[in-house]
N, C-alpha and C. Protein backbone atom coordinates (compact mmCIF):
# COMPACT_ATOMS: atom_id res chain seq x y z
N MET A 1 0.84 -1.16 0.00
CA MET A 1 0.00 0.00 0.00
C MET A 1 0.90 1.24 0.00
N ARG A 2 0.54 2.21 -0.81
CA ARG A 2 1.33 3.44 -0.94
C ARG A 2 0.62 4.60 -0.24
N TYR A 3 1.39 5.37 0.55
CA TYR A 3 0.87 6.54 1.24
C TYR A 3 1.56 7.77 0.69
N GLU A 4 0.79 8.70 0.16
CA GLU A 4 1.30 9.95 -0.41
C GLU A 4 1.13 11.08 0.59
N GLY A 5 2.10 11.97 0.63
CA GLY A 5 1.95 13.19 1.40
C GLY A 5 1.98 13.01 2.90
N VAL A 6 2.45 11.87 3.36
CA VAL A 6 2.55 11.64 4.80
C VAL A 6 3.93 11.11 5.14
N ILE A 7 4.30 11.31 6.35
CA ILE A 7 5.59 10.84 6.84
C ILE A 7 5.34 9.68 7.77
N ALA A 8 6.10 8.62 7.62
CA ALA A 8 5.96 7.46 8.50
C ALA A 8 6.33 7.85 9.93
N THR A 9 5.79 7.12 10.89
CA THR A 9 6.08 7.37 12.29
C THR A 9 7.57 7.17 12.53
N ALA A 10 8.22 8.21 13.02
CA ALA A 10 9.68 8.19 13.22
C ALA A 10 10.06 7.29 14.38
N PRO A 11 11.27 6.77 14.36
CA PRO A 11 11.75 5.99 15.50
C PRO A 11 11.94 6.89 16.72
N VAL A 12 11.85 6.29 17.88
CA VAL A 12 12.10 7.00 19.14
C VAL A 12 13.59 6.85 19.43
N GLU A 13 14.28 7.98 19.47
CA GLU A 13 15.74 7.97 19.65
C GLU A 13 16.18 7.15 20.86
N ALA A 14 15.50 7.35 21.98
CA ALA A 14 15.90 6.69 23.23
C ALA A 14 15.72 5.18 23.17
N ASP A 15 14.88 4.69 22.26
CA ASP A 15 14.60 3.26 22.16
C ASP A 15 15.35 2.59 21.01
N THR A 16 16.25 3.34 20.36
CA THR A 16 16.92 2.86 19.16
C THR A 16 18.42 2.81 19.36
N ASN A 17 19.02 1.67 18.99
CA ASN A 17 20.47 1.53 18.95
C ASN A 17 20.91 1.71 17.50
N TYR A 18 21.89 2.58 17.27
CA TYR A 18 22.34 2.90 15.93
C TYR A 18 23.71 2.29 15.66
N VAL A 19 23.86 1.74 14.44
CA VAL A 19 25.12 1.16 14.02
C VAL A 19 25.50 1.78 12.68
N GLU A 20 26.67 2.42 12.63
CA GLU A 20 27.17 2.96 11.36
C GLU A 20 27.58 1.78 10.49
N ALA A 21 27.12 1.79 9.24
CA ALA A 21 27.25 0.58 8.43
C ALA A 21 27.70 0.87 7.00
N GLY A 22 28.76 1.62 6.82
CA GLY A 22 29.34 1.78 5.50
C GLY A 22 28.50 2.56 4.52
N GLY A 23 28.10 3.77 4.88
CA GLY A 23 27.29 4.61 4.01
C GLY A 23 25.85 4.72 4.44
N VAL A 24 25.43 3.84 5.32
CA VAL A 24 24.10 3.91 5.92
C VAL A 24 24.26 3.73 7.42
N THR A 25 23.20 4.06 8.13
CA THR A 25 23.12 3.77 9.56
C THR A 25 21.93 2.85 9.74
N ILE A 26 22.14 1.79 10.50
CA ILE A 26 21.06 0.84 10.78
C ILE A 26 20.64 1.04 12.23
N GLY A 27 19.35 1.21 12.43
CA GLY A 27 18.81 1.37 13.78
C GLY A 27 17.99 0.16 14.17
N VAL A 28 18.19 -0.33 15.36
CA VAL A 28 17.41 -1.44 15.90
C VAL A 28 16.61 -0.85 17.06
N GLU A 29 15.28 -0.90 16.93
CA GLU A 29 14.40 -0.23 17.88
C GLU A 29 13.36 -1.19 18.44
N ARG A 30 13.18 -1.12 19.75
CA ARG A 30 12.06 -1.78 20.41
C ARG A 30 10.94 -0.73 20.41
N ARG A 31 9.97 -0.87 19.46
CA ARG A 31 8.92 0.14 19.28
C ARG A 31 7.74 -0.14 20.20
N THR A 32 7.10 0.94 20.62
CA THR A 32 5.87 0.86 21.38
C THR A 32 4.81 1.62 20.61
N LEU A 33 3.76 0.93 20.25
CA LEU A 33 2.67 1.54 19.48
C LEU A 33 1.45 1.61 20.38
N ASP A 34 1.03 2.83 20.71
CA ASP A 34 -0.14 3.00 21.55
C ASP A 34 -1.26 3.68 20.76
N ALA A 35 -2.43 3.79 21.36
CA ALA A 35 -3.60 4.32 20.66
C ALA A 35 -3.37 5.76 20.19
N ALA A 36 -2.72 6.58 21.01
CA ALA A 36 -2.49 7.98 20.63
C ALA A 36 -1.64 8.06 19.36
N THR A 37 -0.61 7.23 19.28
CA THR A 37 0.25 7.22 18.09
C THR A 37 -0.52 6.74 16.88
N VAL A 38 -1.25 5.64 17.04
CA VAL A 38 -2.03 5.08 15.93
C VAL A 38 -3.05 6.10 15.42
N LEU A 39 -3.78 6.73 16.32
CA LEU A 39 -4.81 7.68 15.92
C LEU A 39 -4.21 8.92 15.27
N ALA A 40 -3.06 9.38 15.75
CA ALA A 40 -2.41 10.55 15.14
C ALA A 40 -1.99 10.25 13.70
N VAL A 41 -1.44 9.06 13.48
CA VAL A 41 -1.04 8.67 12.12
C VAL A 41 -2.28 8.54 11.24
N MET A 42 -3.35 7.94 11.75
CA MET A 42 -4.57 7.79 10.97
C MET A 42 -5.19 9.14 10.64
N ASP A 43 -5.15 10.08 11.57
CA ASP A 43 -5.65 11.42 11.29
C ASP A 43 -4.84 12.07 10.18
N GLN A 44 -3.53 11.89 10.24
CA GLN A 44 -2.65 12.46 9.21
C GLN A 44 -2.97 11.88 7.83
N ARG A 45 -3.35 10.61 7.81
CA ARG A 45 -3.64 9.93 6.55
C ARG A 45 -5.10 10.08 6.12
N ASN A 46 -5.90 10.76 6.92
CA ASN A 46 -7.34 10.92 6.63
C ASN A 46 -8.04 9.58 6.48
N VAL A 47 -7.73 8.66 7.39
CA VAL A 47 -8.35 7.33 7.38
C VAL A 47 -9.82 7.46 7.78
N ARG A 48 -10.68 6.79 7.02
CA ARG A 48 -12.11 6.82 7.31
C ARG A 48 -12.40 6.12 8.64
N ASP A 49 -13.50 6.53 9.27
CA ASP A 49 -13.86 6.00 10.59
C ASP A 49 -13.98 4.48 10.59
N GLU A 50 -14.60 3.90 9.55
CA GLU A 50 -14.77 2.44 9.54
C GLU A 50 -13.43 1.72 9.40
N GLU A 51 -12.48 2.30 8.66
CA GLU A 51 -11.14 1.70 8.55
C GLU A 51 -10.40 1.82 9.88
N ARG A 52 -10.57 2.96 10.54
CA ARG A 52 -9.95 3.18 11.85
C ARG A 52 -10.48 2.15 12.84
N ASP A 53 -11.79 1.98 12.87
CA ASP A 53 -12.40 1.02 13.79
C ASP A 53 -11.93 -0.40 13.51
N GLN A 54 -11.83 -0.77 12.23
CA GLN A 54 -11.38 -2.11 11.86
C GLN A 54 -9.94 -2.33 12.33
N TYR A 55 -9.08 -1.35 12.09
CA TYR A 55 -7.68 -1.48 12.50
C TYR A 55 -7.58 -1.63 14.01
N LEU A 56 -8.29 -0.78 14.73
CA LEU A 56 -8.23 -0.86 16.19
C LEU A 56 -8.88 -2.13 16.73
N THR A 57 -9.88 -2.67 16.01
CA THR A 57 -10.49 -3.94 16.41
C THR A 57 -9.45 -5.06 16.38
N GLU A 58 -8.51 -4.97 15.44
CA GLU A 58 -7.45 -5.97 15.33
C GLU A 58 -6.39 -5.79 16.42
N MET A 59 -6.46 -4.68 17.14
CA MET A 59 -5.51 -4.38 18.21
C MET A 59 -6.28 -4.03 19.48
N PRO A 60 -7.07 -4.97 20.04
CA PRO A 60 -7.94 -4.63 21.17
C PRO A 60 -7.20 -4.09 22.38
N HIS A 61 -6.01 -4.58 22.65
CA HIS A 61 -5.25 -4.09 23.80
C HIS A 61 -4.83 -2.64 23.60
N VAL A 62 -4.53 -2.24 22.36
CA VAL A 62 -4.19 -0.85 22.07
C VAL A 62 -5.44 0.01 22.17
N LYS A 63 -6.54 -0.48 21.61
CA LYS A 63 -7.81 0.26 21.66
C LYS A 63 -8.22 0.50 23.11
N ALA A 64 -7.93 -0.45 23.98
CA ALA A 64 -8.31 -0.35 25.39
C ALA A 64 -7.33 0.49 26.21
N GLY A 65 -6.35 1.10 25.53
CA GLY A 65 -5.41 1.96 26.24
C GLY A 65 -4.07 1.33 26.48
N GLY A 66 -3.88 0.12 26.02
CA GLY A 66 -2.58 -0.54 26.17
C GLY A 66 -1.65 -0.17 25.04
N ALA A 67 -0.67 -1.00 24.81
CA ALA A 67 0.30 -0.74 23.75
C ALA A 67 0.80 -2.05 23.18
N GLU A 68 1.27 -1.98 21.95
CA GLU A 68 1.88 -3.13 21.29
C GLU A 68 3.37 -2.85 21.19
N GLN A 69 4.19 -3.81 21.58
CA GLN A 69 5.63 -3.66 21.46
C GLN A 69 6.16 -4.66 20.46
N PHE A 70 7.10 -4.19 19.65
CA PHE A 70 7.71 -5.06 18.65
C PHE A 70 9.06 -4.51 18.25
N LEU A 71 9.82 -5.31 17.55
CA LEU A 71 11.16 -4.94 17.12
C LEU A 71 11.13 -4.44 15.68
N SER A 72 11.82 -3.33 15.44
CA SER A 72 11.95 -2.76 14.10
C SER A 72 13.42 -2.56 13.77
N VAL A 73 13.74 -2.70 12.49
CA VAL A 73 15.07 -2.38 11.98
C VAL A 73 14.90 -1.29 10.94
N HIS A 74 15.65 -0.19 11.09
CA HIS A 74 15.57 0.96 10.21
C HIS A 74 16.87 1.09 9.42
N VAL A 75 16.78 1.62 8.20
CA VAL A 75 17.97 1.94 7.41
C VAL A 75 17.89 3.42 7.06
N PHE A 76 18.91 4.16 7.48
CA PHE A 76 18.98 5.60 7.27
C PHE A 76 20.14 5.93 6.33
N GLY A 77 19.97 7.00 5.58
CA GLY A 77 21.06 7.52 4.76
C GLY A 77 21.99 8.37 5.61
N PRO A 78 23.03 8.94 4.98
CA PRO A 78 24.00 9.76 5.73
C PRO A 78 23.38 10.98 6.41
N ASP A 79 22.27 11.48 5.89
CA ASP A 79 21.61 12.64 6.49
C ASP A 79 20.54 12.24 7.51
N ARG A 80 20.48 10.95 7.85
CA ARG A 80 19.50 10.37 8.79
C ARG A 80 18.08 10.34 8.24
N SER A 81 17.93 10.47 6.92
CA SER A 81 16.62 10.20 6.32
C SER A 81 16.42 8.70 6.32
N GLU A 82 15.22 8.27 6.66
CA GLU A 82 14.92 6.84 6.72
C GLU A 82 14.42 6.38 5.35
N TYR A 83 15.00 5.26 4.85
CA TYR A 83 14.63 4.72 3.54
C TYR A 83 14.00 3.34 3.60
N LEU A 84 14.35 2.56 4.60
CA LEU A 84 13.79 1.21 4.75
C LEU A 84 13.46 0.98 6.22
N ARG A 85 12.38 0.23 6.44
CA ARG A 85 12.05 -0.18 7.80
C ARG A 85 11.41 -1.55 7.74
N PHE A 86 11.86 -2.42 8.63
CA PHE A 86 11.30 -3.75 8.80
C PHE A 86 10.63 -3.77 10.17
N ASP A 87 9.31 -3.98 10.21
CA ASP A 87 8.54 -3.93 11.47
C ASP A 87 8.03 -5.30 11.87
N ASN A 88 7.93 -5.50 13.18
CA ASN A 88 7.43 -6.76 13.75
C ASN A 88 8.31 -7.94 13.36
N ILE A 89 9.62 -7.71 13.32
CA ILE A 89 10.49 -8.79 12.87
C ILE A 89 10.60 -9.90 13.91
N ASP A 90 10.16 -9.64 15.12
CA ASP A 90 10.26 -10.63 16.19
C ASP A 90 8.97 -11.41 16.38
N GLY A 91 8.16 -11.51 15.33
CA GLY A 91 6.96 -12.33 15.41
C GLY A 91 5.74 -11.59 15.87
N GLY A 92 5.71 -10.29 15.68
CA GLY A 92 4.56 -9.49 16.07
C GLY A 92 3.33 -9.79 15.22
N ARG A 93 2.30 -9.03 15.45
CA ARG A 93 0.99 -9.25 14.86
C ARG A 93 1.02 -9.26 13.33
N THR A 94 1.64 -8.28 12.72
CA THR A 94 1.64 -8.17 11.26
C THR A 94 3.03 -7.82 10.75
N PRO A 95 3.87 -8.81 10.53
CA PRO A 95 5.21 -8.50 10.00
C PRO A 95 5.08 -7.82 8.63
N HIS A 96 5.85 -6.75 8.45
CA HIS A 96 5.81 -6.00 7.20
C HIS A 96 7.07 -5.15 7.09
N TYR A 97 7.25 -4.56 5.92
CA TYR A 97 8.39 -3.67 5.74
C TYR A 97 7.96 -2.49 4.89
N HIS A 98 8.78 -1.43 4.97
CA HIS A 98 8.46 -0.17 4.31
C HIS A 98 9.59 0.25 3.37
N TYR A 99 9.21 0.82 2.24
CA TYR A 99 10.11 1.61 1.42
C TYR A 99 9.69 3.06 1.65
N LEU A 100 10.62 3.89 2.12
CA LEU A 100 10.31 5.28 2.41
C LEU A 100 11.08 6.19 1.46
N ALA A 101 10.41 7.16 0.89
CA ALA A 101 11.04 8.13 0.00
C ALA A 101 10.77 9.52 0.56
N PRO A 102 11.51 9.94 1.60
CA PRO A 102 11.20 11.20 2.28
C PRO A 102 11.32 12.43 1.38
N GLN A 103 12.24 12.42 0.43
CA GLN A 103 12.38 13.58 -0.45
C GLN A 103 11.20 13.72 -1.40
N GLU A 104 10.51 12.61 -1.63
CA GLU A 104 9.35 12.64 -2.53
C GLU A 104 8.03 12.54 -1.77
N ASN A 105 8.12 12.47 -0.44
CA ASN A 105 6.96 12.54 0.43
C ASN A 105 5.96 11.39 0.24
N PHE A 106 6.48 10.17 0.14
CA PHE A 106 5.61 9.00 0.13
C PHE A 106 6.36 7.81 0.72
N TYR A 107 5.59 6.81 1.09
CA TYR A 107 6.18 5.53 1.47
C TYR A 107 5.20 4.42 1.15
N THR A 108 5.74 3.20 1.06
CA THR A 108 4.90 2.04 0.81
C THR A 108 5.07 1.05 1.96
N VAL A 109 4.04 0.25 2.16
CA VAL A 109 4.06 -0.82 3.15
C VAL A 109 3.87 -2.12 2.40
N GLU A 110 4.78 -3.05 2.63
CA GLU A 110 4.74 -4.36 1.99
C GLU A 110 4.49 -5.42 3.05
N SER A 111 3.49 -6.24 2.86
CA SER A 111 3.23 -7.35 3.79
C SER A 111 4.30 -8.41 3.63
N TYR A 112 4.59 -9.09 4.73
CA TYR A 112 5.56 -10.17 4.71
C TYR A 112 4.82 -11.49 4.87
N ASP A 113 5.12 -12.44 4.03
CA ASP A 113 4.48 -13.75 4.06
C ASP A 113 5.41 -14.75 4.76
N VAL A 114 5.12 -15.01 6.03
CA VAL A 114 5.96 -15.90 6.83
C VAL A 114 5.96 -17.31 6.26
N GLU A 115 4.80 -17.77 5.80
CA GLU A 115 4.71 -19.14 5.27
C GLU A 115 5.60 -19.31 4.03
N ALA A 116 5.64 -18.32 3.18
CA ALA A 116 6.43 -18.43 1.94
C ALA A 116 7.90 -18.13 2.16
N ASN A 117 8.20 -17.20 3.09
CA ASN A 117 9.57 -16.71 3.22
C ASN A 117 10.28 -17.12 4.50
N GLY A 118 9.59 -17.73 5.44
CA GLY A 118 10.22 -18.18 6.67
C GLY A 118 10.38 -17.07 7.70
N ASN A 119 11.29 -17.29 8.61
CA ASN A 119 11.53 -16.40 9.74
C ASN A 119 11.85 -14.99 9.27
N PHE A 120 11.11 -13.99 9.79
CA PHE A 120 11.26 -12.61 9.34
C PHE A 120 12.60 -12.01 9.77
N ILE A 121 13.10 -12.40 10.94
CA ILE A 121 14.41 -11.90 11.38
C ILE A 121 15.48 -12.35 10.39
N ASP A 122 15.50 -13.64 10.07
CA ASP A 122 16.49 -14.15 9.13
C ASP A 122 16.37 -13.47 7.77
N TRP A 123 15.13 -13.30 7.30
CA TRP A 123 14.89 -12.67 6.00
C TRP A 123 15.36 -11.22 6.01
N THR A 124 15.07 -10.49 7.08
CA THR A 124 15.49 -9.09 7.20
C THR A 124 17.00 -8.98 7.13
N LEU A 125 17.69 -9.78 7.91
CA LEU A 125 19.16 -9.74 7.92
C LEU A 125 19.72 -10.16 6.57
N HIS A 126 19.08 -11.12 5.93
CA HIS A 126 19.50 -11.54 4.58
C HIS A 126 19.35 -10.37 3.60
N CYS A 127 18.24 -9.65 3.68
CA CYS A 127 18.03 -8.49 2.79
C CYS A 127 19.09 -7.42 3.02
N LEU A 128 19.41 -7.14 4.27
CA LEU A 128 20.43 -6.14 4.56
C LEU A 128 21.78 -6.57 4.01
N GLN A 129 22.06 -7.86 4.08
CA GLN A 129 23.34 -8.39 3.61
C GLN A 129 23.41 -8.48 2.09
N ASN A 130 22.32 -8.89 1.47
CA ASN A 130 22.38 -9.25 0.05
C ASN A 130 21.55 -8.40 -0.90
N HIS A 131 20.65 -7.61 -0.39
CA HIS A 131 19.74 -6.86 -1.28
C HIS A 131 19.61 -5.39 -0.91
N LEU A 132 20.51 -4.88 -0.08
CA LEU A 132 20.36 -3.51 0.40
C LEU A 132 20.37 -2.48 -0.74
N GLU A 133 21.31 -2.60 -1.65
CA GLU A 133 21.40 -1.60 -2.72
C GLU A 133 20.14 -1.56 -3.58
N PRO A 134 19.63 -2.70 -4.09
CA PRO A 134 18.40 -2.61 -4.89
C PRO A 134 17.19 -2.14 -4.07
N MET A 135 17.14 -2.48 -2.81
CA MET A 135 16.04 -2.01 -1.99
C MET A 135 16.12 -0.49 -1.79
N LEU A 136 17.32 0.04 -1.59
CA LEU A 136 17.49 1.49 -1.49
C LEU A 136 17.08 2.17 -2.80
N ARG A 137 17.44 1.56 -3.92
CA ARG A 137 17.05 2.14 -5.21
C ARG A 137 15.52 2.17 -5.37
N LYS A 138 14.86 1.12 -4.90
CA LYS A 138 13.39 1.11 -4.96
C LYS A 138 12.80 2.22 -4.09
N ALA A 139 13.52 2.60 -3.04
CA ALA A 139 13.09 3.69 -2.17
C ALA A 139 13.56 5.05 -2.72
N HIS A 140 14.03 5.07 -3.95
CA HIS A 140 14.48 6.29 -4.63
C HIS A 140 15.70 6.90 -3.95
N ALA A 141 16.55 6.05 -3.40
CA ALA A 141 17.77 6.51 -2.73
C ALA A 141 18.99 5.99 -3.49
N ASP A 142 19.02 6.23 -4.79
CA ASP A 142 20.13 5.76 -5.63
C ASP A 142 21.48 6.28 -5.13
N ASP A 143 21.51 7.55 -4.73
CA ASP A 143 22.77 8.14 -4.27
C ASP A 143 23.29 7.44 -3.03
N VAL A 144 22.39 7.02 -2.15
CA VAL A 144 22.80 6.29 -0.94
C VAL A 144 23.30 4.90 -1.33
N ALA A 145 22.57 4.23 -2.21
CA ALA A 145 22.97 2.88 -2.66
C ALA A 145 24.35 2.91 -3.32
N ASP A 146 24.63 3.97 -4.06
CA ASP A 146 25.92 4.08 -4.76
C ASP A 146 27.10 4.20 -3.81
N GLU A 147 26.86 4.63 -2.59
CA GLU A 147 27.95 4.88 -1.64
C GLU A 147 28.14 3.78 -0.60
N ILE A 148 27.43 2.67 -0.73
CA ILE A 148 27.57 1.58 0.24
C ILE A 148 28.99 1.01 0.20
N ASP A 149 29.59 0.90 1.36
CA ASP A 149 30.90 0.26 1.52
C ASP A 149 30.62 -1.16 2.02
N ARG A 150 30.73 -2.14 1.14
CA ARG A 150 30.35 -3.52 1.48
C ARG A 150 31.15 -4.08 2.65
N LEU A 151 32.43 -3.79 2.73
CA LEU A 151 33.23 -4.33 3.84
C LEU A 151 32.75 -3.76 5.17
N ALA A 152 32.51 -2.46 5.21
CA ALA A 152 32.02 -1.83 6.45
C ALA A 152 30.61 -2.33 6.78
N LEU A 153 29.78 -2.51 5.75
CA LEU A 153 28.42 -3.02 5.97
C LEU A 153 28.48 -4.42 6.55
N ASP A 154 29.29 -5.29 5.95
CA ASP A 154 29.40 -6.66 6.44
C ASP A 154 29.84 -6.71 7.90
N ALA A 155 30.80 -5.87 8.26
CA ALA A 155 31.27 -5.83 9.65
C ALA A 155 30.18 -5.33 10.58
N ALA A 156 29.45 -4.30 10.15
CA ALA A 156 28.38 -3.73 10.98
C ALA A 156 27.23 -4.71 11.19
N LEU A 157 26.96 -5.54 10.19
CA LEU A 157 25.84 -6.47 10.30
C LEU A 157 26.05 -7.51 11.41
N VAL A 158 27.28 -7.76 11.77
CA VAL A 158 27.54 -8.65 12.91
C VAL A 158 26.96 -8.02 14.18
N GLU A 159 27.21 -6.71 14.36
CA GLU A 159 26.66 -6.01 15.52
C GLU A 159 25.14 -5.89 15.44
N VAL A 160 24.62 -5.63 14.25
CA VAL A 160 23.16 -5.53 14.07
C VAL A 160 22.50 -6.84 14.45
N ARG A 161 23.06 -7.95 13.99
CA ARG A 161 22.50 -9.27 14.32
C ARG A 161 22.47 -9.46 15.84
N GLU A 162 23.54 -9.10 16.53
CA GLU A 162 23.58 -9.21 17.99
C GLU A 162 22.49 -8.37 18.64
N LEU A 163 22.32 -7.14 18.17
CA LEU A 163 21.29 -6.27 18.72
C LEU A 163 19.89 -6.86 18.51
N VAL A 164 19.66 -7.40 17.32
CA VAL A 164 18.36 -7.98 17.01
C VAL A 164 18.09 -9.19 17.89
N VAL A 165 19.05 -10.07 17.97
CA VAL A 165 18.88 -11.30 18.75
C VAL A 165 18.70 -11.01 20.24
N ASN A 166 19.35 -9.98 20.73
CA ASN A 166 19.32 -9.67 22.17
C ASN A 166 18.30 -8.60 22.56
N SER A 167 17.49 -8.16 21.60
CA SER A 167 16.49 -7.12 21.92
C SER A 167 15.16 -7.71 22.33
């Protein structure tokens, strides 16, 4: 699904560990999604009331004032613009990933099929290792993809894997 004219919910600095990774920065965040955050994003997107109700029905604990916690991995360019995000990689309610194009003011959300692709953590780390450049290009970040230092990225992914496994 593509969202025009909206900005994705930014990571919370205090909840994110950042790893410099050869032209990009990878953030590993333990995200907390509460009703106020969900409703603010829906208001920004002009989500219809029935869609809002359906979404919140799927998250009864959030609707009741609780929160959903899950692990996210973010990929930022040198200017800290976010271009990729993998959400719910630790088995949350709806594993998915985002292509973000902040300079063009849109982003897309792609569903992840666990049955077809297996463990989302493994798949996410595989994408960072083997498909980062084409994924950045799909996010309209060709200049960032062109500057990836593979040796530095490979070394950084060891630390990223540790953060993911231990978060």
